Amino acid sequence: MSHVLLFNKPYGVICQFSRNGLRPTLADYISVPNSYPAGRLDTDSEGLVLLTDNGLLQHRITDPRHKLAKVYWAQVEGRPNKQSLQQLQDGVRLADFNTLPAMVRIISEPKNLWQRTPPIRERKNKETSWLELIIREGKNRQVRRMTAAVGHPTLRLIRYQIGEWTLNGLELGAWREAAV
């Protein structure tokens, strides 16, 4: 029987098992044999990473044709206005592709959010806001590129959910097995 692991990836962890000697990797946190990440999360992003030993399930999770929803919390520079939010909802033209429409809303800072090490850079004269974005694709640095394209660069990015799996109850750097 196959398994799915949920891992709450800290900032700075490389989403691979092979060690490079410079930064921590998945191998520093997870020692379950034959588990492989179903997709990646950038080194400077935090949050949910799914791992499995089932290649077909791994493909279903990562293949954009299956349109599995991914929920991100993004702390962005400034306060997005209706026009910026509408651009994200309509899809954003990036240099190499147009994003699919996203669901987006301004939210309060998520409750029980862990401290990031190192903390984000703070500017005295620049306010920040939190957005919840739901996308159904996951191209390289997509959320960061989308928010920057509408004038609100991402300062902190946390993936909260993939499909039915969430970070609920999962401490930073911890993992648990989930139902398939």
N, C-alpha and C. Protein backbone atom coordinates (compact mmCIF):
# COMPACT_ATOMS: atom_id res chain seq x y z
N MET A 1 0.84 -1.18 0.00
CA MET A 1 0.00 0.00 0.00
C MET A 1 0.89 1.25 0.00
N SER A 2 0.53 2.22 -0.81
CA SER A 2 1.35 3.41 -0.91
C SER A 2 1.07 4.36 0.26
N HIS A 3 1.99 5.29 0.45
CA HIS A 3 1.83 6.27 1.52
C HIS A 3 2.02 7.68 0.99
N VAL A 4 1.46 8.64 1.73
CA VAL A 4 1.64 10.06 1.46
C VAL A 4 2.11 10.68 2.76
N LEU A 5 3.19 11.43 2.68
CA LEU A 5 3.70 12.17 3.84
C LEU A 5 3.44 13.64 3.63
N LEU A 6 3.03 14.32 4.68
CA LEU A 6 2.88 15.77 4.67
C LEU A 6 4.05 16.33 5.46
N PHE A 7 4.75 17.29 4.87
CA PHE A 7 5.92 17.88 5.52
C PHE A 7 5.76 19.39 5.51
N ASN A 8 5.99 20.02 6.66
CA ASN A 8 5.96 21.48 6.77
C ASN A 8 7.39 21.98 6.62
N LYS A 9 7.74 22.33 5.39
CA LYS A 9 9.11 22.70 5.03
C LYS A 9 9.47 24.08 5.55
N PRO A 10 10.55 24.17 6.32
CA PRO A 10 11.02 25.49 6.76
C PRO A 10 11.69 26.27 5.61
N TYR A 11 11.78 27.57 5.82
CA TYR A 11 12.54 28.44 4.92
C TYR A 11 13.97 27.93 4.84
N GLY A 12 14.55 27.94 3.64
CA GLY A 12 15.96 27.59 3.47
C GLY A 12 16.24 26.12 3.22
N VAL A 13 15.21 25.27 3.32
CA VAL A 13 15.40 23.84 3.06
C VAL A 13 15.23 23.56 1.58
N ILE A 14 16.19 22.83 1.01
CA ILE A 14 16.12 22.46 -0.40
C ILE A 14 15.19 21.27 -0.54
N CYS A 15 14.31 21.33 -1.51
CA CYS A 15 13.27 20.31 -1.70
C CYS A 15 13.81 19.12 -2.50
N GLN A 16 14.84 18.48 -1.97
CA GLN A 16 15.44 17.28 -2.56
C GLN A 16 16.11 16.50 -1.44
N PHE A 17 16.42 15.24 -1.72
CA PHE A 17 17.05 14.41 -0.69
C PHE A 17 18.57 14.43 -0.77
N SER A 18 19.12 14.64 -1.96
CA SER A 18 20.58 14.63 -2.06
C SER A 18 21.14 15.88 -1.38
N ARG A 19 22.13 15.65 -0.54
CA ARG A 19 22.72 16.75 0.23
C ARG A 19 23.74 17.48 -0.63
N ASN A 20 23.75 18.80 -0.46
CA ASN A 20 24.74 19.59 -1.19
C ASN A 20 25.77 20.20 -0.26
N GLY A 21 25.61 20.01 1.04
CA GLY A 21 26.57 20.50 2.01
C GLY A 21 26.39 21.94 2.42
N LEU A 22 25.63 22.72 1.66
CA LEU A 22 25.46 24.13 1.97
C LEU A 22 24.18 24.43 2.73
N ARG A 23 23.12 23.74 2.39
CA ARG A 23 21.82 23.99 2.98
C ARG A 23 21.18 22.68 3.42
N PRO A 24 20.26 22.75 4.37
CA PRO A 24 19.55 21.52 4.74
C PRO A 24 18.66 21.05 3.59
N THR A 25 18.42 19.74 3.55
CA THR A 25 17.56 19.14 2.52
C THR A 25 16.48 18.31 3.21
N LEU A 26 15.62 17.72 2.43
CA LEU A 26 14.58 16.84 2.97
C LEU A 26 15.19 15.71 3.80
N ALA A 27 16.38 15.25 3.41
CA ALA A 27 17.04 14.15 4.13
C ALA A 27 17.35 14.51 5.58
N ASP A 28 17.43 15.78 5.88
CA ASP A 28 17.69 16.21 7.26
C ASP A 28 16.44 16.12 8.13
N TYR A 29 15.29 15.90 7.52
CA TYR A 29 14.02 15.87 8.25
C TYR A 29 13.26 14.54 8.10
N ILE A 30 13.41 13.88 6.95
CA ILE A 30 12.58 12.70 6.64
C ILE A 30 13.47 11.53 6.31
N SER A 31 13.21 10.39 6.96
CA SER A 31 14.01 9.19 6.70
C SER A 31 13.14 8.00 6.30
N VAL A 32 12.02 8.26 5.64
CA VAL A 32 11.13 7.19 5.19
C VAL A 32 11.62 6.73 3.82
N PRO A 33 12.00 5.46 3.69
CA PRO A 33 12.55 4.97 2.42
C PRO A 33 11.57 5.11 1.26
N ASN A 34 12.13 5.35 0.08
CA ASN A 34 11.37 5.41 -1.17
C ASN A 34 10.29 6.48 -1.19
N SER A 35 10.44 7.54 -0.45
CA SER A 35 9.51 8.67 -0.48
C SER A 35 10.13 9.78 -1.32
N TYR A 36 9.34 10.30 -2.24
CA TYR A 36 9.83 11.33 -3.14
C TYR A 36 8.84 12.49 -3.17
N PRO A 37 9.35 13.72 -3.29
CA PRO A 37 8.43 14.86 -3.32
C PRO A 37 7.56 14.85 -4.56
N ALA A 38 6.29 15.16 -4.35
CA ALA A 38 5.35 15.32 -5.46
C ALA A 38 5.31 16.82 -5.75
N GLY A 39 6.24 17.27 -6.55
CA GLY A 39 6.39 18.70 -6.81
C GLY A 39 7.45 19.28 -5.89
N ARG A 40 7.73 20.53 -6.09
CA ARG A 40 8.77 21.20 -5.32
C ARG A 40 8.22 22.46 -4.69
N LEU A 41 8.98 22.97 -3.76
CA LEU A 41 8.71 24.25 -3.15
C LEU A 41 10.05 24.96 -3.07
N ASP A 42 10.11 26.18 -3.57
CA ASP A 42 11.37 26.91 -3.61
C ASP A 42 12.04 26.96 -2.25
N THR A 43 13.34 27.08 -2.25
CA THR A 43 14.12 27.14 -1.02
C THR A 43 13.67 28.29 -0.13
N ASP A 44 13.29 29.41 -0.73
CA ASP A 44 12.89 30.57 0.07
C ASP A 44 11.39 30.61 0.35
N SER A 45 10.68 29.52 0.06
CA SER A 45 9.26 29.40 0.41
C SER A 45 9.13 28.36 1.51
N GLU A 46 8.00 28.42 2.21
CA GLU A 46 7.76 27.55 3.35
C GLU A 46 6.46 26.79 3.13
N GLY A 47 6.25 25.77 3.96
CA GLY A 47 4.95 25.14 3.98
C GLY A 47 4.88 23.74 3.44
N LEU A 48 3.71 23.38 2.96
CA LEU A 48 3.36 22.00 2.65
C LEU A 48 4.10 21.44 1.44
N VAL A 49 4.75 20.31 1.69
CA VAL A 49 5.35 19.49 0.63
C VAL A 49 4.76 18.10 0.81
N LEU A 50 4.25 17.52 -0.27
CA LEU A 50 3.76 16.15 -0.23
C LEU A 50 4.84 15.23 -0.75
N LEU A 51 4.99 14.08 -0.09
CA LEU A 51 5.93 13.06 -0.55
C LEU A 51 5.16 11.74 -0.63
N THR A 52 5.53 10.90 -1.60
CA THR A 52 4.88 9.62 -1.75
C THR A 52 5.84 8.60 -2.35
N ASP A 53 5.50 7.33 -2.20
CA ASP A 53 6.25 6.25 -2.83
C ASP A 53 5.53 5.73 -4.06
N ASN A 54 4.41 6.36 -4.44
CA ASN A 54 3.58 5.92 -5.55
C ASN A 54 3.76 6.86 -6.74
N GLY A 55 4.40 6.37 -7.79
CA GLY A 55 4.67 7.20 -8.97
C GLY A 55 3.42 7.71 -9.65
N LEU A 56 2.36 6.90 -9.72
CA LEU A 56 1.11 7.35 -10.34
C LEU A 56 0.46 8.46 -9.53
N LEU A 57 0.48 8.32 -8.21
CA LEU A 57 -0.07 9.36 -7.35
C LEU A 57 0.78 10.63 -7.44
N GLN A 58 2.07 10.46 -7.47
CA GLN A 58 2.98 11.61 -7.62
C GLN A 58 2.65 12.37 -8.90
N HIS A 59 2.41 11.65 -9.99
CA HIS A 59 2.06 12.26 -11.27
C HIS A 59 0.71 12.99 -11.17
N ARG A 60 -0.28 12.36 -10.54
CA ARG A 60 -1.61 12.97 -10.41
C ARG A 60 -1.53 14.27 -9.61
N ILE A 61 -0.69 14.30 -8.59
CA ILE A 61 -0.56 15.49 -7.75
C ILE A 61 0.11 16.63 -8.51
N THR A 62 1.11 16.32 -9.32
CA THR A 62 1.92 17.37 -9.95
C THR A 62 1.46 17.75 -11.35
N ASP A 63 0.77 16.90 -12.06
CA ASP A 63 0.40 17.18 -13.45
C ASP A 63 -0.68 18.26 -13.51
N PRO A 64 -0.41 19.37 -14.23
CA PRO A 64 -1.38 20.47 -14.31
C PRO A 64 -2.71 20.05 -14.94
N ARG A 65 -2.71 18.97 -15.71
CA ARG A 65 -3.97 18.52 -16.33
C ARG A 65 -4.99 18.10 -15.29
N HIS A 66 -4.53 17.72 -14.11
CA HIS A 66 -5.45 17.30 -13.05
C HIS A 66 -5.98 18.48 -12.24
N LYS A 67 -5.38 19.65 -12.45
CA LYS A 67 -5.86 20.91 -11.86
C LYS A 67 -6.10 20.83 -10.35
N LEU A 68 -5.18 20.20 -9.65
CA LEU A 68 -5.27 20.09 -8.19
C LEU A 68 -5.02 21.48 -7.58
N ALA A 69 -5.96 21.96 -6.79
CA ALA A 69 -5.85 23.30 -6.21
C ALA A 69 -4.72 23.36 -5.19
N LYS A 70 -3.98 24.45 -5.24
CA LYS A 70 -2.91 24.73 -4.29
C LYS A 70 -3.22 26.08 -3.65
N VAL A 71 -3.23 26.10 -2.32
CA VAL A 71 -3.55 27.33 -1.58
C VAL A 71 -2.25 27.88 -1.00
N TYR A 72 -1.99 29.14 -1.29
CA TYR A 72 -0.80 29.83 -0.80
C TYR A 72 -1.21 31.04 0.03
N TRP A 73 -0.42 31.31 1.06
CA TRP A 73 -0.52 32.55 1.81
C TRP A 73 0.72 33.36 1.46
N ALA A 74 0.49 34.56 0.94
CA ALA A 74 1.61 35.42 0.53
C ALA A 74 1.56 36.74 1.28
N GLN A 75 2.65 37.04 1.96
CA GLN A 75 2.79 38.36 2.55
C GLN A 75 3.44 39.23 1.48
N VAL A 76 2.73 40.28 1.08
CA VAL A 76 3.19 41.11 -0.03
C VAL A 76 3.45 42.53 0.43
N GLU A 77 4.25 43.20 -0.36
CA GLU A 77 4.54 44.61 -0.11
C GLU A 77 3.33 45.44 -0.52
N GLY A 78 2.94 46.38 0.32
CA GLY A 78 1.84 47.27 0.00
C GLY A 78 0.48 46.67 0.27
N ARG A 79 -0.54 47.37 -0.16
CA ARG A 79 -1.94 46.94 0.00
C ARG A 79 -2.57 46.87 -1.38
N PRO A 80 -2.77 45.66 -1.91
CA PRO A 80 -3.35 45.53 -3.26
C PRO A 80 -4.73 46.18 -3.34
N ASN A 81 -4.97 46.89 -4.45
CA ASN A 81 -6.28 47.48 -4.67
C ASN A 81 -7.13 46.53 -5.52
N LYS A 82 -8.34 46.94 -5.81
CA LYS A 82 -9.27 46.09 -6.57
C LYS A 82 -8.70 45.73 -7.94
N GLN A 83 -8.01 46.66 -8.58
CA GLN A 83 -7.45 46.40 -9.90
C GLN A 83 -6.36 45.31 -9.83
N SER A 84 -5.48 45.40 -8.85
CA SER A 84 -4.43 44.39 -8.70
C SER A 84 -5.03 43.01 -8.43
N LEU A 85 -6.03 42.96 -7.55
CA LEU A 85 -6.69 41.70 -7.24
C LEU A 85 -7.38 41.13 -8.48
N GLN A 86 -8.01 42.01 -9.26
CA GLN A 86 -8.69 41.56 -10.48
C GLN A 86 -7.71 40.99 -11.49
N GLN A 87 -6.54 41.61 -11.61
CA GLN A 87 -5.51 41.08 -12.51
C GLN A 87 -5.13 39.66 -12.13
N LEU A 88 -4.94 39.42 -10.83
CA LEU A 88 -4.60 38.08 -10.36
C LEU A 88 -5.75 37.11 -10.64
N GLN A 89 -6.98 37.57 -10.46
CA GLN A 89 -8.15 36.71 -10.70
C GLN A 89 -8.33 36.40 -12.18
N ASP A 90 -7.95 37.32 -13.04
CA ASP A 90 -8.11 37.12 -14.48
C ASP A 90 -6.99 36.30 -15.10
N GLY A 91 -5.85 36.23 -14.42
CA GLY A 91 -4.65 35.62 -14.98
C GLY A 91 -3.67 36.72 -15.34
N VAL A 92 -2.41 36.46 -15.13
CA VAL A 92 -1.37 37.48 -15.29
C VAL A 92 -0.47 37.10 -16.45
N ARG A 93 -0.13 38.09 -17.27
CA ARG A 93 0.81 37.89 -18.37
C ARG A 93 2.22 38.00 -17.80
N LEU A 94 2.94 36.88 -17.83
CA LEU A 94 4.34 36.88 -17.43
C LEU A 94 5.19 36.78 -18.69
N ALA A 95 6.48 36.90 -18.57
CA ALA A 95 7.36 36.91 -19.75
C ALA A 95 7.23 35.66 -20.59
N ASP A 96 7.05 34.50 -19.95
CA ASP A 96 7.06 33.25 -20.70
C ASP A 96 5.72 32.53 -20.79
N PHE A 97 4.69 33.02 -20.10
CA PHE A 97 3.36 32.41 -20.21
C PHE A 97 2.32 33.29 -19.52
N ASN A 98 1.06 33.00 -19.81
CA ASN A 98 -0.06 33.62 -19.11
C ASN A 98 -0.52 32.65 -18.03
N THR A 99 -0.68 33.14 -16.82
CA THR A 99 -1.16 32.26 -15.76
C THR A 99 -2.66 32.02 -15.94
N LEU A 100 -3.11 30.91 -15.42
CA LEU A 100 -4.54 30.68 -15.37
C LEU A 100 -5.14 31.61 -14.32
N PRO A 101 -6.43 31.87 -14.40
CA PRO A 101 -7.05 32.70 -13.36
C PRO A 101 -6.84 32.09 -11.97
N ALA A 102 -6.69 32.96 -11.00
CA ALA A 102 -6.49 32.54 -9.61
C ALA A 102 -7.66 33.05 -8.77
N MET A 103 -7.94 32.35 -7.70
CA MET A 103 -8.85 32.90 -6.70
C MET A 103 -7.95 33.63 -5.72
N VAL A 104 -8.32 34.84 -5.36
CA VAL A 104 -7.45 35.64 -4.48
C VAL A 104 -8.31 36.51 -3.58
N ARG A 105 -7.84 36.66 -2.35
CA ARG A 105 -8.50 37.56 -1.40
C ARG A 105 -7.48 38.04 -0.40
N ILE A 106 -7.73 39.21 0.14
CA ILE A 106 -6.90 39.74 1.22
C ILE A 106 -7.35 39.06 2.51
N ILE A 107 -6.39 38.60 3.31
CA ILE A 107 -6.69 37.93 4.57
C ILE A 107 -5.90 38.59 5.70
N SER A 108 -6.28 38.29 6.93
CA SER A 108 -5.48 38.68 8.09
C SER A 108 -4.26 37.77 8.14
N GLU A 109 -3.23 38.20 8.87
CA GLU A 109 -2.08 37.31 9.05
C GLU A 109 -2.58 35.99 9.62
N PRO A 110 -2.19 34.86 9.01
CA PRO A 110 -2.68 33.56 9.50
C PRO A 110 -2.36 33.35 10.98
N LYS A 111 -3.33 32.76 11.68
CA LYS A 111 -3.16 32.47 13.11
C LYS A 111 -2.16 31.34 13.28
N ASN A 112 -1.49 31.35 14.43
CA ASN A 112 -0.52 30.31 14.79
C ASN A 112 0.62 30.18 13.78
N LEU A 113 0.94 31.27 13.11
CA LEU A 113 2.03 31.26 12.14
C LEU A 113 3.36 31.28 12.88
N TRP A 114 4.24 30.40 12.50
CA TRP A 114 5.56 30.31 13.13
C TRP A 114 6.43 31.49 12.69
N GLN A 115 7.45 31.78 13.48
CA GLN A 115 8.42 32.80 13.14
C GLN A 115 9.33 32.27 12.04
N ARG A 116 9.61 33.09 11.06
CA ARG A 116 10.53 32.68 10.00
C ARG A 116 11.94 33.06 10.41
N THR A 117 12.88 32.15 10.14
CA THR A 117 14.29 32.41 10.38
C THR A 117 15.03 32.30 9.05
N PRO A 118 15.64 33.37 8.58
CA PRO A 118 15.63 34.72 9.14
C PRO A 118 14.30 35.41 8.87
N PRO A 119 13.98 36.44 9.67
CA PRO A 119 12.71 37.15 9.45
C PRO A 119 12.75 37.91 8.13
N ILE A 120 11.56 38.24 7.61
CA ILE A 120 11.51 39.01 6.37
C ILE A 120 12.05 40.40 6.64
N ARG A 121 12.48 41.07 5.58
CA ARG A 121 12.96 42.44 5.75
C ARG A 121 11.76 43.35 6.01
N GLU A 122 11.91 44.21 6.97
CA GLU A 122 10.85 45.16 7.33
C GLU A 122 11.26 46.55 6.89
N ARG A 123 10.32 47.28 6.33
CA ARG A 123 10.56 48.68 5.98
C ARG A 123 9.60 49.53 6.78
N LYS A 124 10.13 50.53 7.45
CA LYS A 124 9.30 51.36 8.32
C LYS A 124 8.17 52.06 7.56
N ASN A 125 8.43 52.48 6.33
CA ASN A 125 7.46 53.25 5.57
C ASN A 125 6.67 52.42 4.55
N LYS A 126 6.78 51.11 4.61
CA LYS A 126 6.08 50.23 3.66
C LYS A 126 5.20 49.27 4.43
N GLU A 127 3.90 49.36 4.23
CA GLU A 127 3.02 48.40 4.88
C GLU A 127 3.04 47.08 4.09
N THR A 128 2.61 46.04 4.73
CA THR A 128 2.49 44.75 4.06
C THR A 128 1.07 44.23 4.24
N SER A 129 0.69 43.30 3.37
CA SER A 129 -0.62 42.67 3.42
C SER A 129 -0.44 41.18 3.21
N TRP A 130 -1.45 40.43 3.62
CA TRP A 130 -1.47 38.98 3.38
C TRP A 130 -2.55 38.68 2.35
N LEU A 131 -2.19 37.84 1.39
CA LEU A 131 -3.14 37.36 0.38
C LEU A 131 -3.26 35.86 0.49
N GLU A 132 -4.44 35.35 0.20
CA GLU A 132 -4.62 33.92 -0.01
C GLU A 132 -4.86 33.76 -1.50
N LEU A 133 -4.01 32.96 -2.14
CA LEU A 133 -4.15 32.70 -3.57
C LEU A 133 -4.38 31.21 -3.77
N ILE A 134 -5.32 30.89 -4.63
CA ILE A 134 -5.58 29.50 -4.98
C ILE A 134 -5.32 29.37 -6.48
N ILE A 135 -4.33 28.55 -6.81
CA ILE A 135 -3.99 28.33 -8.21
C ILE A 135 -4.11 26.84 -8.53
N ARG A 136 -4.19 26.54 -9.81
CA ARG A 136 -4.33 25.15 -10.23
C ARG A 136 -3.20 24.73 -11.18
N GLU A 137 -2.15 25.49 -11.15
CA GLU A 137 -0.92 25.14 -11.85
C GLU A 137 0.19 25.41 -10.86
N GLY A 138 1.40 25.19 -11.20
CA GLY A 138 2.47 25.42 -10.24
C GLY A 138 3.80 25.56 -10.95
N LYS A 139 3.88 26.56 -11.79
CA LYS A 139 5.11 26.77 -12.54
C LYS A 139 6.15 27.46 -11.66
N ASN A 140 7.37 27.46 -12.13
CA ASN A 140 8.50 27.96 -11.36
C ASN A 140 8.25 29.37 -10.81
N ARG A 141 8.26 29.49 -9.49
CA ARG A 141 8.12 30.76 -8.77
C ARG A 141 6.88 31.53 -9.20
N GLN A 142 5.84 30.80 -9.53
CA GLN A 142 4.65 31.40 -10.12
C GLN A 142 3.97 32.45 -9.24
N VAL A 143 3.70 32.13 -8.00
CA VAL A 143 3.00 33.09 -7.14
C VAL A 143 3.85 34.35 -6.96
N ARG A 144 5.13 34.18 -6.72
CA ARG A 144 6.01 35.34 -6.56
C ARG A 144 6.02 36.21 -7.83
N ARG A 145 6.06 35.57 -8.97
CA ARG A 145 6.07 36.30 -10.24
C ARG A 145 4.73 37.00 -10.48
N MET A 146 3.65 36.37 -10.10
CA MET A 146 2.32 36.96 -10.28
C MET A 146 2.16 38.22 -9.43
N THR A 147 2.51 38.12 -8.15
CA THR A 147 2.31 39.28 -7.27
C THR A 147 3.24 40.42 -7.67
N ALA A 148 4.46 40.10 -8.09
CA ALA A 148 5.38 41.15 -8.54
C ALA A 148 4.84 41.83 -9.80
N ALA A 149 4.24 41.06 -10.69
CA ALA A 149 3.73 41.61 -11.95
C ALA A 149 2.59 42.61 -11.73
N VAL A 150 1.88 42.48 -10.61
CA VAL A 150 0.80 43.42 -10.32
C VAL A 150 1.23 44.49 -9.32
N GLY A 151 2.54 44.58 -9.06
CA GLY A 151 3.08 45.66 -8.24
C GLY A 151 3.18 45.39 -6.76
N HIS A 152 3.07 44.11 -6.35
CA HIS A 152 3.13 43.78 -4.93
C HIS A 152 4.04 42.58 -4.71
N PRO A 153 5.35 42.81 -4.69
CA PRO A 153 6.29 41.69 -4.53
C PRO A 153 6.02 40.88 -3.26
N THR A 154 6.19 39.58 -3.38
CA THR A 154 6.01 38.68 -2.24
C THR A 154 7.24 38.74 -1.34
N LEU A 155 6.99 38.92 -0.06
CA LEU A 155 8.05 38.94 0.95
C LEU A 155 8.17 37.60 1.65
N ARG A 156 7.04 36.93 1.83
CA ARG A 156 7.01 35.62 2.48
C ARG A 156 5.92 34.79 1.81
N LEU A 157 6.25 33.53 1.51
CA LEU A 157 5.30 32.68 0.81
C LEU A 157 5.19 31.34 1.52
N ILE A 158 3.95 30.96 1.84
CA ILE A 158 3.67 29.71 2.55
C ILE A 158 2.63 28.93 1.75
N ARG A 159 2.96 27.69 1.40
CA ARG A 159 1.94 26.84 0.77
C ARG A 159 1.19 26.15 1.91
N TYR A 160 -0.11 26.41 1.97
CA TYR A 160 -0.93 25.89 3.05
C TYR A 160 -1.63 24.58 2.67
N GLN A 161 -2.00 24.42 1.41
CA GLN A 161 -2.82 23.27 1.04
C GLN A 161 -2.53 22.83 -0.39
N ILE A 162 -2.60 21.50 -0.60
CA ILE A 162 -2.56 20.90 -1.94
C ILE A 162 -3.70 19.91 -1.98
N GLY A 163 -4.68 20.14 -2.87
CA GLY A 163 -5.85 19.28 -2.92
C GLY A 163 -6.52 19.26 -1.57
N GLU A 164 -6.71 18.07 -1.02
CA GLU A 164 -7.38 17.92 0.29
C GLU A 164 -6.41 17.99 1.46
N TRP A 165 -5.12 17.97 1.21
CA TRP A 165 -4.11 17.94 2.28
C TRP A 165 -3.73 19.35 2.72
N THR A 166 -3.65 19.57 4.05
CA THR A 166 -3.31 20.89 4.58
C THR A 166 -2.21 20.79 5.64
N LEU A 167 -1.75 21.95 6.06
CA LEU A 167 -0.76 22.06 7.13
C LEU A 167 -1.38 21.98 8.53
N ASN A 168 -2.68 21.91 8.63
CA ASN A 168 -3.34 21.93 9.94
C ASN A 168 -2.68 20.97 10.93
N GLY A 169 -2.27 21.51 12.07
CA GLY A 169 -1.70 20.71 13.14
C GLY A 169 -0.28 20.23 12.90
N LEU A 170 0.36 20.70 11.86
CA LEU A 170 1.71 20.22 11.52
C LEU A 170 2.73 21.31 11.86
N GLU A 171 3.56 21.04 12.85
CA GLU A 171 4.57 22.00 13.28
C GLU A 171 5.64 22.18 12.20
N LEU A 172 6.30 23.32 12.22
CA LEU A 172 7.38 23.60 11.28
C LEU A 172 8.47 22.55 11.40
N GLY A 173 8.89 21.98 10.28
CA GLY A 173 9.94 20.97 10.26
C GLY A 173 9.46 19.57 10.58
N ALA A 174 8.17 19.41 10.84
CA ALA A 174 7.61 18.10 11.18
C ALA A 174 6.91 17.49 9.96
N TRP A 175 6.73 16.17 10.02
CA TRP A 175 5.98 15.48 8.98
C TRP A 175 5.08 14.44 9.63
N ARG A 176 4.07 14.02 8.89
CA ARG A 176 3.18 12.94 9.33
C ARG A 176 2.64 12.22 8.11
N GLU A 177 2.23 10.99 8.33
CA GLU A 177 1.62 10.23 7.26
C GLU A 177 0.15 10.64 7.15
N ALA A 178 -0.35 10.66 5.92
CA ALA A 178 -1.73 11.07 5.67
C ALA A 178 -2.47 9.94 4.94
N ALA A 179 -3.77 10.01 5.01
CA ALA A 179 -4.60 9.05 4.28
C ALA A 179 -4.49 9.33 2.79
N VAL A 180 -4.52 8.25 2.02
CA VAL A 180 -4.46 8.39 0.56
C VAL A 180 -5.87 8.34 0.01
